[in-house]
């Protein structure tokens, strides 16, 4: 390859690496954040937050009194309407279920505990994409992966000399390959 062709190829490589890298920034950040969240799902729920609060009952109720009308009135105190199910899990307690929420009433104590499940802002959306929960997203996710490979490969040829692929770059590639190789070897031996 002539020096002019090499120079032109290097310019195209840098431009492709730069522009595709810029394009993928939001994808990479989103996937990294949701990946961190999903990696620690045993420690917290990366998709939902459970909001909980105490509610004082205006008077003492008996189990038989908690009908659709009373459940609706109690639900309005916590911002809910239309109760879905009224359940008596044990004597002196009533659970009123709503969409994504419930009100657990302790009748003798004249109090209730309201719990609502709410999507965790930003994380829920990012996790939906990361897990490929949307069928139509699969093809975009595949394109994203291919573009990441392209950015990686073009990045190998951006620098020359002592910082390039033929010098320290090859050693950094080997060092970067060690963690997954060691992890898989340890997994297979366990």
N, C-alpha and C. Protein backbone atom coordinates (compact mmCIF):
# COMPACT_ATOMS: atom_id res chain seq x y z
N UNK A 1 0.86 -1.18 0.00
CA UNK A 1 0.00 0.00 0.00
C UNK A 1 0.90 1.23 0.00
N UNK A 2 0.58 2.17 -0.88
CA UNK A 2 1.40 3.37 -0.99
C UNK A 2 1.20 4.27 0.24
N UNK A 3 2.16 5.14 0.54
CA UNK A 3 2.02 6.04 1.69
C UNK A 3 0.76 6.91 1.61
N UNK A 4 0.37 7.32 0.40
CA UNK A 4 -0.84 8.15 0.26
C UNK A 4 -2.08 7.34 0.61
N UNK A 5 -2.12 6.07 0.17
CA UNK A 5 -3.25 5.21 0.49
C UNK A 5 -3.31 4.89 1.99
N UNK A 6 -2.11 4.66 2.60
CA UNK A 6 -2.06 4.39 4.03
C UNK A 6 -2.56 5.59 4.82
N UNK A 7 -2.18 6.78 4.41
CA UNK A 7 -2.60 8.01 5.08
C UNK A 7 -4.12 8.19 4.95
N UNK A 8 -4.65 7.91 3.78
CA UNK A 8 -6.09 8.02 3.55
C UNK A 8 -6.85 6.98 4.39
N UNK A 9 -6.31 5.75 4.43
CA UNK A 9 -6.95 4.69 5.21
C UNK A 9 -6.93 5.04 6.70
N UNK A 10 -5.83 5.62 7.18
CA UNK A 10 -5.75 6.01 8.59
C UNK A 10 -6.76 7.11 8.90
N UNK A 11 -6.92 8.07 7.98
CA UNK A 11 -7.91 9.15 8.18
C UNK A 11 -9.32 8.57 8.26
N UNK A 12 -9.64 7.64 7.34
CA UNK A 12 -10.96 7.01 7.35
C UNK A 12 -11.17 6.20 8.64
N UNK A 13 -10.14 5.48 9.05
CA UNK A 13 -10.22 4.68 10.28
C UNK A 13 -10.49 5.58 11.49
N UNK A 14 -9.73 6.70 11.60
CA UNK A 14 -9.94 7.62 12.74
C UNK A 14 -11.34 8.23 12.71
N UNK A 15 -11.77 8.63 11.52
CA UNK A 15 -13.10 9.26 11.40
C UNK A 15 -14.20 8.26 11.76
N UNK A 16 -14.07 7.03 11.28
CA UNK A 16 -15.06 5.99 11.58
C UNK A 16 -15.07 5.69 13.07
N UNK A 17 -13.89 5.53 13.65
CA UNK A 17 -13.77 5.26 15.08
C UNK A 17 -14.39 6.39 15.90
N UNK A 18 -14.07 7.61 15.55
CA UNK A 18 -14.59 8.78 16.28
C UNK A 18 -16.10 8.89 16.16
N UNK A 19 -16.62 8.85 14.94
CA UNK A 19 -18.05 9.10 14.73
C UNK A 19 -18.93 7.97 15.28
N UNK A 20 -18.53 6.72 15.05
CA UNK A 20 -19.31 5.61 15.59
C UNK A 20 -19.21 5.63 17.12
N UNK A 21 -18.05 5.98 17.65
CA UNK A 21 -17.88 6.09 19.11
C UNK A 21 -18.82 7.13 19.70
N UNK A 22 -18.90 8.30 19.05
CA UNK A 22 -19.83 9.34 19.53
C UNK A 22 -21.27 8.83 19.47
N UNK A 23 -21.61 8.19 18.35
CA UNK A 23 -22.97 7.69 18.16
C UNK A 23 -23.36 6.70 19.26
N UNK A 24 -22.42 5.86 19.68
CA UNK A 24 -22.71 4.80 20.64
C UNK A 24 -22.65 5.24 22.10
N UNK A 25 -22.28 6.47 22.36
CA UNK A 25 -22.08 6.92 23.75
C UNK A 25 -23.29 6.65 24.63
N UNK A 26 -24.47 7.07 24.23
CA UNK A 26 -25.66 6.89 25.06
C UNK A 26 -25.97 5.40 25.24
N UNK A 27 -25.79 4.59 24.19
CA UNK A 27 -26.00 3.15 24.29
C UNK A 27 -25.06 2.54 25.34
N UNK A 28 -23.78 2.87 25.23
CA UNK A 28 -22.78 2.28 26.12
C UNK A 28 -23.05 2.67 27.57
N UNK A 29 -23.30 3.94 27.82
CA UNK A 29 -23.57 4.38 29.19
C UNK A 29 -24.82 3.70 29.73
N UNK A 30 -25.87 3.64 28.93
CA UNK A 30 -27.12 2.99 29.37
C UNK A 30 -26.89 1.52 29.69
N UNK A 31 -26.20 0.80 28.81
CA UNK A 31 -25.95 -0.62 29.03
C UNK A 31 -25.04 -0.85 30.23
N UNK A 32 -24.06 0.02 30.42
CA UNK A 32 -23.16 -0.14 31.57
C UNK A 32 -23.91 0.08 32.88
N UNK A 33 -24.73 1.12 32.95
CA UNK A 33 -25.48 1.40 34.18
C UNK A 33 -26.46 0.26 34.47
N UNK A 34 -27.20 -0.18 33.45
CA UNK A 34 -28.15 -1.27 33.70
C UNK A 34 -27.42 -2.57 33.98
N UNK A 35 -26.26 -2.77 33.38
CA UNK A 35 -25.46 -3.97 33.66
C UNK A 35 -25.02 -4.00 35.12
N UNK A 36 -24.56 -2.85 35.62
CA UNK A 36 -24.19 -2.78 37.04
C UNK A 36 -25.40 -3.08 37.92
N UNK A 37 -26.53 -2.50 37.58
CA UNK A 37 -27.75 -2.71 38.36
C UNK A 37 -28.16 -4.18 38.34
N UNK A 38 -28.15 -4.80 37.17
CA UNK A 38 -28.57 -6.19 37.05
C UNK A 38 -27.57 -7.15 37.70
N UNK A 39 -26.30 -6.78 37.72
CA UNK A 39 -25.29 -7.63 38.38
C UNK A 39 -25.53 -7.74 39.88
N UNK A 40 -26.19 -6.75 40.46
CA UNK A 40 -26.39 -6.72 41.91
C UNK A 40 -27.85 -6.92 42.30
N UNK A 41 -28.60 -7.64 41.48
CA UNK A 41 -30.02 -7.81 41.75
C UNK A 41 -30.31 -8.64 42.99
N UNK A 42 -29.32 -9.36 43.50
CA UNK A 42 -29.51 -10.08 44.76
C UNK A 42 -29.48 -9.13 45.96
N UNK A 43 -28.90 -7.95 45.78
CA UNK A 43 -28.75 -6.98 46.86
C UNK A 43 -29.85 -5.92 46.84
N UNK A 44 -30.48 -5.70 45.71
CA UNK A 44 -31.53 -4.69 45.58
C UNK A 44 -32.36 -5.02 44.36
N UNK A 45 -33.51 -4.40 44.23
CA UNK A 45 -34.35 -4.62 43.06
C UNK A 45 -34.04 -3.51 42.05
N UNK A 46 -33.37 -3.84 40.94
CA UNK A 46 -32.98 -2.80 40.00
C UNK A 46 -34.14 -2.25 39.17
N UNK A 47 -35.29 -2.89 39.23
CA UNK A 47 -36.43 -2.45 38.43
C UNK A 47 -37.49 -1.68 39.20
N UNK A 48 -37.68 -2.03 40.47
CA UNK A 48 -38.80 -1.47 41.21
C UNK A 48 -38.38 -0.95 42.59
N UNK A 49 -39.14 0.03 43.06
CA UNK A 49 -39.01 0.57 44.41
C UNK A 49 -40.31 0.25 45.13
N UNK A 50 -40.21 -0.20 46.37
CA UNK A 50 -41.42 -0.44 47.16
C UNK A 50 -41.58 0.75 48.11
N UNK A 51 -42.64 1.50 47.88
CA UNK A 51 -42.95 2.64 48.75
C UNK A 51 -43.87 2.14 49.85
N UNK A 52 -43.56 2.50 51.08
CA UNK A 52 -44.29 1.98 52.23
C UNK A 52 -44.61 3.14 53.16
N UNK A 53 -45.83 3.16 53.69
CA UNK A 53 -46.17 4.17 54.69
C UNK A 53 -47.29 3.68 55.59
N UNK A 54 -47.28 4.23 56.80
CA UNK A 54 -48.30 3.90 57.80
C UNK A 54 -49.52 4.77 57.57
N UNK A 55 -50.70 4.21 57.86
CA UNK A 55 -51.97 4.93 57.71
C UNK A 55 -52.77 4.72 58.99
N UNK A 56 -53.31 5.81 59.53
CA UNK A 56 -54.16 5.71 60.73
C UNK A 56 -55.61 5.56 60.27
N UNK A 57 -56.30 4.60 60.86
CA UNK A 57 -57.73 4.41 60.55
C UNK A 57 -58.54 5.38 61.40
N UNK A 58 -59.57 5.95 60.82
CA UNK A 58 -60.39 6.95 61.52
C UNK A 58 -61.21 6.35 62.66
N UNK A 59 -61.41 5.02 62.61
CA UNK A 59 -62.18 4.36 63.66
C UNK A 59 -61.86 2.87 63.64
N UNK A 60 -62.38 2.15 64.61
CA UNK A 60 -62.20 0.70 64.65
C UNK A 60 -63.19 0.05 63.68
N UNK A 61 -62.71 -0.92 62.93
CA UNK A 61 -63.55 -1.66 61.99
C UNK A 61 -63.57 -3.12 62.38
N UNK A 62 -64.64 -3.80 61.98
CA UNK A 62 -64.69 -5.25 62.06
C UNK A 62 -64.47 -5.79 60.64
N UNK A 63 -63.99 -7.00 60.55
CA UNK A 63 -63.70 -7.60 59.24
C UNK A 63 -64.90 -7.54 58.31
N UNK A 64 -66.06 -7.83 58.84
CA UNK A 64 -67.28 -7.87 58.03
C UNK A 64 -67.65 -6.49 57.46
N UNK A 65 -67.17 -5.43 58.08
CA UNK A 65 -67.49 -4.07 57.61
C UNK A 65 -66.69 -3.66 56.38
N UNK A 66 -65.57 -4.31 56.12
CA UNK A 66 -64.69 -3.91 55.02
C UNK A 66 -65.25 -4.49 53.72
N UNK A 67 -66.17 -3.74 53.14
CA UNK A 67 -66.74 -4.14 51.85
C UNK A 67 -66.14 -3.25 50.76
N UNK A 68 -66.67 -3.37 49.56
CA UNK A 68 -66.18 -2.60 48.42
C UNK A 68 -66.20 -1.09 48.70
N UNK A 69 -67.27 -0.60 49.27
CA UNK A 69 -67.41 0.84 49.53
C UNK A 69 -66.38 1.32 50.56
N UNK A 70 -66.25 0.62 51.69
CA UNK A 70 -65.29 1.01 52.73
C UNK A 70 -63.86 0.89 52.18
N UNK A 71 -63.57 -0.17 51.43
CA UNK A 71 -62.24 -0.35 50.84
C UNK A 71 -61.91 0.80 49.90
N UNK A 72 -62.89 1.23 49.13
CA UNK A 72 -62.68 2.36 48.22
C UNK A 72 -62.39 3.64 49.01
N UNK A 73 -63.14 3.86 50.09
CA UNK A 73 -62.94 5.05 50.93
C UNK A 73 -61.55 5.03 51.56
N UNK A 74 -61.15 3.87 52.10
CA UNK A 74 -59.82 3.75 52.69
C UNK A 74 -58.73 3.91 51.62
N UNK A 75 -58.99 3.39 50.43
CA UNK A 75 -58.04 3.53 49.33
C UNK A 75 -57.84 4.97 48.92
N UNK A 76 -58.90 5.77 48.97
CA UNK A 76 -58.78 7.19 48.62
C UNK A 76 -57.82 7.92 49.56
N UNK A 77 -57.71 7.47 50.80
CA UNK A 77 -56.78 8.09 51.75
C UNK A 77 -55.32 7.95 51.30
N UNK A 78 -55.03 6.92 50.54
CA UNK A 78 -53.66 6.69 50.07
C UNK A 78 -53.52 6.95 48.57
N UNK A 79 -54.53 7.55 47.97
CA UNK A 79 -54.45 7.90 46.56
C UNK A 79 -54.85 6.79 45.60
N UNK A 80 -55.54 5.80 46.09
CA UNK A 80 -55.99 4.69 45.24
C UNK A 80 -57.50 4.78 45.07
N UNK A 81 -57.98 4.20 43.98
CA UNK A 81 -59.43 4.05 43.83
C UNK A 81 -59.72 2.57 43.66
N UNK A 82 -60.60 2.16 42.92
CA UNK A 82 -61.02 0.79 42.62
C UNK A 82 -60.18 -0.33 43.22
N UNK A 83 -60.58 -0.82 44.41
CA UNK A 83 -59.90 -2.00 44.95
C UNK A 83 -60.19 -3.22 44.07
N UNK A 84 -59.20 -4.08 43.91
CA UNK A 84 -59.36 -5.27 43.08
C UNK A 84 -59.83 -6.48 43.89
N UNK A 85 -59.21 -6.66 45.06
CA UNK A 85 -59.53 -7.82 45.89
C UNK A 85 -59.50 -7.40 47.36
N UNK A 86 -60.41 -7.96 48.14
CA UNK A 86 -60.40 -7.77 49.58
C UNK A 86 -60.19 -9.15 50.19
N UNK A 87 -59.14 -9.27 51.02
CA UNK A 87 -58.77 -10.57 51.57
C UNK A 87 -58.64 -10.47 53.08
N UNK A 88 -58.95 -11.56 53.77
CA UNK A 88 -58.77 -11.63 55.22
C UNK A 88 -57.71 -12.71 55.48
N UNK A 89 -56.42 -12.29 55.57
CA UNK A 89 -55.35 -13.29 55.73
C UNK A 89 -55.35 -13.95 57.10
N UNK A 90 -55.80 -13.21 58.11
CA UNK A 90 -55.87 -13.76 59.47
C UNK A 90 -56.88 -12.93 60.27
N UNK A 91 -57.33 -13.44 61.36
CA UNK A 91 -58.34 -12.75 62.15
C UNK A 91 -57.80 -11.38 62.60
N UNK A 92 -58.63 -10.36 62.43
CA UNK A 92 -58.27 -9.00 62.84
C UNK A 92 -57.48 -8.23 61.80
N UNK A 93 -57.25 -8.85 60.64
CA UNK A 93 -56.50 -8.18 59.58
C UNK A 93 -57.25 -8.31 58.26
N UNK A 94 -57.15 -7.27 57.46
CA UNK A 94 -57.75 -7.28 56.12
C UNK A 94 -56.73 -6.69 55.17
N UNK A 95 -56.61 -7.29 54.00
CA UNK A 95 -55.74 -6.75 52.95
C UNK A 95 -56.61 -6.32 51.78
N UNK A 96 -56.42 -5.09 51.37
CA UNK A 96 -57.14 -4.55 50.21
C UNK A 96 -56.10 -4.36 49.11
N UNK A 97 -56.31 -5.06 48.00
CA UNK A 97 -55.36 -5.02 46.89
C UNK A 97 -55.85 -4.05 45.82
N UNK A 98 -54.90 -3.28 45.29
CA UNK A 98 -55.13 -2.36 44.17
C UNK A 98 -54.14 -2.75 43.07
N UNK A 99 -54.15 -2.04 41.97
CA UNK A 99 -53.14 -2.27 40.94
C UNK A 99 -51.77 -1.88 41.49
N UNK A 100 -50.85 -2.83 41.57
CA UNK A 100 -49.48 -2.60 42.02
C UNK A 100 -49.37 -2.06 43.44
N UNK A 101 -50.37 -2.29 44.27
CA UNK A 101 -50.33 -1.80 45.65
C UNK A 101 -51.30 -2.60 46.52
N UNK A 102 -51.09 -2.49 47.83
CA UNK A 102 -52.06 -3.06 48.76
C UNK A 102 -52.05 -2.25 50.05
N UNK A 103 -53.15 -2.35 50.77
CA UNK A 103 -53.31 -1.72 52.06
C UNK A 103 -53.61 -2.82 53.06
N UNK A 104 -52.67 -3.06 53.97
CA UNK A 104 -52.81 -4.12 54.98
C UNK A 104 -53.35 -3.46 56.25
N UNK A 105 -54.58 -3.80 56.60
CA UNK A 105 -55.26 -3.18 57.74
C UNK A 105 -55.13 -4.06 58.99
N UNK A 106 -54.71 -3.44 60.09
CA UNK A 106 -54.66 -4.09 61.40
C UNK A 106 -55.80 -3.47 62.19
N UNK A 107 -56.94 -4.15 62.19
CA UNK A 107 -58.20 -3.56 62.67
C UNK A 107 -58.17 -3.20 64.15
N UNK A 108 -57.66 -4.08 64.99
CA UNK A 108 -57.65 -3.80 66.43
C UNK A 108 -56.73 -2.63 66.76
N UNK A 109 -55.67 -2.47 65.99
CA UNK A 109 -54.71 -1.40 66.24
C UNK A 109 -55.12 -0.08 65.57
N UNK A 110 -56.18 -0.14 64.76
CA UNK A 110 -56.68 1.04 64.04
C UNK A 110 -55.59 1.69 63.17
N UNK A 111 -54.88 0.83 62.47
CA UNK A 111 -53.82 1.34 61.57
C UNK A 111 -53.73 0.43 60.35
N UNK A 112 -53.04 0.94 59.37
CA UNK A 112 -52.81 0.17 58.16
C UNK A 112 -51.40 0.45 57.64
N UNK A 113 -50.91 -0.45 56.81
CA UNK A 113 -49.62 -0.26 56.14
C UNK A 113 -49.91 -0.31 54.64
N UNK A 114 -49.55 0.78 53.97
CA UNK A 114 -49.77 0.89 52.54
C UNK A 114 -48.44 0.63 51.83
N UNK A 115 -48.45 -0.27 50.85
CA UNK A 115 -47.26 -0.56 50.05
C UNK A 115 -47.60 -0.45 48.58
N UNK A 116 -46.76 0.25 47.86
CA UNK A 116 -46.94 0.43 46.42
C UNK A 116 -45.64 0.09 45.71
N UNK A 117 -45.73 -0.65 44.62
CA UNK A 117 -44.57 -0.98 43.80
C UNK A 117 -44.53 0.03 42.64
N UNK A 118 -43.38 0.70 42.52
CA UNK A 118 -43.21 1.75 41.50
C UNK A 118 -41.96 1.43 40.69
N UNK A 119 -42.04 1.64 39.40
CA UNK A 119 -40.87 1.43 38.55
C UNK A 119 -39.75 2.38 38.98
N UNK A 120 -38.54 1.85 39.08
CA UNK A 120 -37.37 2.66 39.44
C UNK A 120 -37.05 3.55 38.24
N UNK A 121 -37.04 4.87 38.45
CA UNK A 121 -36.80 5.79 37.32
C UNK A 121 -35.48 5.48 36.60
N UNK A 122 -35.50 5.54 35.31
CA UNK A 122 -34.38 5.32 34.39
C UNK A 122 -33.87 3.87 34.39
N UNK A 123 -33.68 3.28 35.56
CA UNK A 123 -33.16 1.91 35.62
C UNK A 123 -34.12 0.93 34.95
N UNK A 124 -35.42 1.06 35.24
CA UNK A 124 -36.38 0.13 34.67
C UNK A 124 -36.29 0.17 33.14
N UNK A 125 -36.28 1.37 32.58
CA UNK A 125 -36.23 1.52 31.12
C UNK A 125 -34.93 0.94 30.55
N UNK A 126 -33.81 1.28 31.19
CA UNK A 126 -32.52 0.77 30.71
C UNK A 126 -32.46 -0.75 30.82
N UNK A 127 -33.02 -1.31 31.89
CA UNK A 127 -33.00 -2.76 32.07
C UNK A 127 -33.87 -3.48 31.05
N UNK A 128 -34.98 -2.86 30.67
CA UNK A 128 -35.85 -3.44 29.62
C UNK A 128 -35.04 -3.61 28.33
N UNK A 129 -34.26 -2.59 28.00
CA UNK A 129 -33.44 -2.67 26.79
C UNK A 129 -32.29 -3.66 26.96
N UNK A 130 -31.65 -3.63 28.10
CA UNK A 130 -30.49 -4.50 28.34
C UNK A 130 -30.88 -5.98 28.29
N UNK A 131 -32.04 -6.33 28.84
CA UNK A 131 -32.50 -7.73 28.84
C UNK A 131 -33.16 -8.12 27.52
N UNK A 132 -33.27 -7.20 26.59
CA UNK A 132 -33.97 -7.45 25.32
C UNK A 132 -35.40 -7.89 25.55
N UNK A 133 -36.10 -7.20 26.45
CA UNK A 133 -37.49 -7.53 26.74
C UNK A 133 -38.43 -7.13 25.62
N UNK A 134 -37.98 -6.24 24.74
CA UNK A 134 -38.79 -5.82 23.60
C UNK A 134 -38.33 -6.59 22.37
N UNK A 135 -39.23 -7.33 21.75
CA UNK A 135 -38.84 -8.13 20.58
C UNK A 135 -38.23 -7.27 19.47
N UNK A 136 -38.81 -6.09 19.26
CA UNK A 136 -38.31 -5.21 18.19
C UNK A 136 -36.93 -4.65 18.50
N UNK A 137 -36.52 -4.68 19.76
CA UNK A 137 -35.23 -4.13 20.14
C UNK A 137 -34.08 -5.08 19.80
N UNK A 138 -34.36 -6.36 19.63
CA UNK A 138 -33.30 -7.34 19.40
C UNK A 138 -32.41 -6.95 18.23
N UNK A 139 -33.00 -6.51 17.13
CA UNK A 139 -32.20 -6.16 15.95
C UNK A 139 -31.35 -4.93 16.20
N UNK A 140 -31.88 -3.97 16.93
CA UNK A 140 -31.08 -2.79 17.27
C UNK A 140 -29.96 -3.17 18.24
N UNK A 141 -30.25 -4.08 19.14
CA UNK A 141 -29.23 -4.56 20.07
C UNK A 141 -28.12 -5.29 19.31
N UNK A 142 -28.49 -6.08 18.32
CA UNK A 142 -27.49 -6.75 17.49
C UNK A 142 -26.63 -5.74 16.72
N UNK A 143 -27.28 -4.72 16.16
CA UNK A 143 -26.55 -3.67 15.44
C UNK A 143 -25.61 -2.95 16.40
N UNK A 144 -26.07 -2.69 17.61
CA UNK A 144 -25.25 -2.06 18.64
C UNK A 144 -24.00 -2.90 18.91
N UNK A 145 -24.17 -4.20 19.04
CA UNK A 145 -23.04 -5.10 19.30
C UNK A 145 -22.04 -5.07 18.14
N UNK A 146 -22.56 -5.09 16.94
CA UNK A 146 -21.69 -5.06 15.75
C UNK A 146 -20.92 -3.74 15.71
N UNK A 147 -21.60 -2.64 16.01
CA UNK A 147 -20.93 -1.34 16.02
C UNK A 147 -19.88 -1.25 17.13
N UNK A 148 -20.14 -1.89 18.27
CA UNK A 148 -19.13 -1.92 19.33
C UNK A 148 -17.89 -2.67 18.87
N UNK A 149 -18.09 -3.77 18.16
CA UNK A 149 -16.95 -4.50 17.61
C UNK A 149 -16.18 -3.62 16.62
N UNK A 150 -16.92 -2.90 15.78
CA UNK A 150 -16.29 -1.99 14.82
C UNK A 150 -15.47 -0.91 15.52
N UNK A 151 -16.03 -0.30 16.56
CA UNK A 151 -15.30 0.73 17.30
C UNK A 151 -14.05 0.14 17.93
N UNK A 152 -14.19 -1.06 18.46
CA UNK A 152 -13.04 -1.72 19.07
C UNK A 152 -11.94 -1.99 18.04
N UNK A 153 -12.32 -2.55 16.90
CA UNK A 153 -11.32 -2.89 15.88
C UNK A 153 -10.68 -1.65 15.27
N UNK A 154 -11.48 -0.61 15.01
CA UNK A 154 -10.88 0.61 14.45
C UNK A 154 -9.99 1.29 15.49
N UNK A 155 -10.33 1.14 16.77
CA UNK A 155 -9.51 1.72 17.83
C UNK A 155 -8.12 1.10 17.91
N UNK A 156 -7.99 -0.15 17.47
CA UNK A 156 -6.68 -0.80 17.48
C UNK A 156 -5.67 -0.08 16.59
N UNK A 157 -6.16 0.63 15.60
CA UNK A 157 -5.26 1.24 14.60
C UNK A 157 -5.23 2.76 14.66
N UNK A 158 -5.73 3.33 15.72
CA UNK A 158 -5.72 4.79 15.85
C UNK A 158 -4.31 5.29 16.18
N UNK A 159 -3.66 4.63 17.13
CA UNK A 159 -2.32 5.07 17.55
C UNK A 159 -1.24 4.24 16.87
N UNK A 160 -0.07 4.87 16.70
CA UNK A 160 1.09 4.18 16.14
C UNK A 160 2.25 4.31 17.10
N UNK A 161 3.31 3.63 16.80
CA UNK A 161 4.53 3.76 17.59
C UNK A 161 4.43 3.05 18.93
N UNK A 162 5.09 3.65 19.95
CA UNK A 162 5.19 2.99 21.25
C UNK A 162 3.85 2.83 21.97
N UNK A 163 2.83 3.58 21.55
CA UNK A 163 1.50 3.45 22.15
C UNK A 163 0.54 2.64 21.27
N UNK A 164 1.02 2.19 20.12
CA UNK A 164 0.17 1.49 19.17
C UNK A 164 0.04 0.00 19.44
N UNK A 165 -0.65 -0.66 18.52
CA UNK A 165 -0.95 -2.08 18.63
C UNK A 165 0.32 -2.93 18.65
N UNK A 166 1.29 -2.60 17.83
CA UNK A 166 2.48 -3.45 17.73
C UNK A 166 3.41 -3.31 18.93
N UNK A 167 3.23 -2.30 19.74
CA UNK A 167 4.08 -2.13 20.93
C UNK A 167 3.29 -2.48 22.19
N UNK A 168 2.87 -1.48 22.93
CA UNK A 168 2.19 -1.77 24.20
C UNK A 168 0.76 -2.26 24.01
N UNK A 169 0.14 -1.96 22.87
CA UNK A 169 -1.23 -2.36 22.62
C UNK A 169 -1.45 -3.86 22.70
N UNK A 170 -0.51 -4.64 22.12
CA UNK A 170 -0.68 -6.09 22.14
C UNK A 170 -0.64 -6.64 23.56
N UNK A 171 0.18 -6.04 24.43
CA UNK A 171 0.27 -6.50 25.82
C UNK A 171 -0.99 -6.14 26.60
N UNK A 172 -1.56 -4.99 26.30
CA UNK A 172 -2.81 -4.60 26.96
C UNK A 172 -3.97 -5.50 26.52
N UNK A 173 -3.96 -5.91 25.25
CA UNK A 173 -4.99 -6.85 24.77
C UNK A 173 -4.88 -8.18 25.52
N UNK A 174 -3.67 -8.68 25.67
CA UNK A 174 -3.46 -9.93 26.41
C UNK A 174 -3.91 -9.76 27.86
N UNK A 175 -3.53 -8.65 28.49
CA UNK A 175 -3.92 -8.39 29.88
C UNK A 175 -5.45 -8.31 30.01
N UNK A 176 -6.10 -7.70 29.02
CA UNK A 176 -7.56 -7.59 29.04
C UNK A 176 -8.26 -8.92 28.82
N UNK A 177 -7.58 -9.86 28.16
CA UNK A 177 -8.16 -11.18 27.93
C UNK A 177 -8.03 -12.08 29.16
N UNK A 178 -7.11 -11.76 30.05
CA UNK A 178 -6.87 -12.62 31.21
C UNK A 178 -8.07 -12.72 32.17
N UNK A 179 -8.71 -11.63 32.59
CA UNK A 179 -9.82 -11.78 33.55
C UNK A 179 -10.93 -12.73 33.09
N UNK A 180 -11.45 -12.62 31.85
CA UNK A 180 -12.50 -13.58 31.47
C UNK A 180 -11.97 -15.01 31.36
N UNK A 181 -10.73 -15.18 30.90
CA UNK A 181 -10.16 -16.52 30.76
C UNK A 181 -10.00 -17.16 32.15
N UNK A 182 -9.47 -16.40 33.11
CA UNK A 182 -9.28 -16.92 34.47
C UNK A 182 -10.65 -17.22 35.11
N UNK A 183 -11.61 -16.32 34.93
CA UNK A 183 -12.95 -16.52 35.51
C UNK A 183 -13.60 -17.78 34.95
N UNK A 184 -13.50 -17.98 33.64
CA UNK A 184 -14.09 -19.19 33.04
C UNK A 184 -13.36 -20.46 33.47
N UNK A 185 -12.05 -20.37 33.59
CA UNK A 185 -11.28 -21.54 34.04
C UNK A 185 -11.68 -21.89 35.48
N UNK A 186 -11.83 -20.89 36.33
CA UNK A 186 -12.22 -21.13 37.73
C UNK A 186 -13.64 -21.71 37.76
N UNK A 187 -14.51 -21.23 36.90
CA UNK A 187 -15.89 -21.73 36.85
C UNK A 187 -15.92 -23.19 36.44
N UNK A 188 -15.13 -23.54 35.44
CA UNK A 188 -15.12 -24.93 34.96
C UNK A 188 -14.51 -25.89 35.97
N UNK A 189 -13.62 -25.40 36.80
CA UNK A 189 -12.98 -26.25 37.80
C UNK A 189 -13.84 -26.40 39.05
N UNK A 190 -14.84 -25.55 39.21
CA UNK A 190 -15.67 -25.64 40.42
C UNK A 190 -16.79 -26.63 40.27
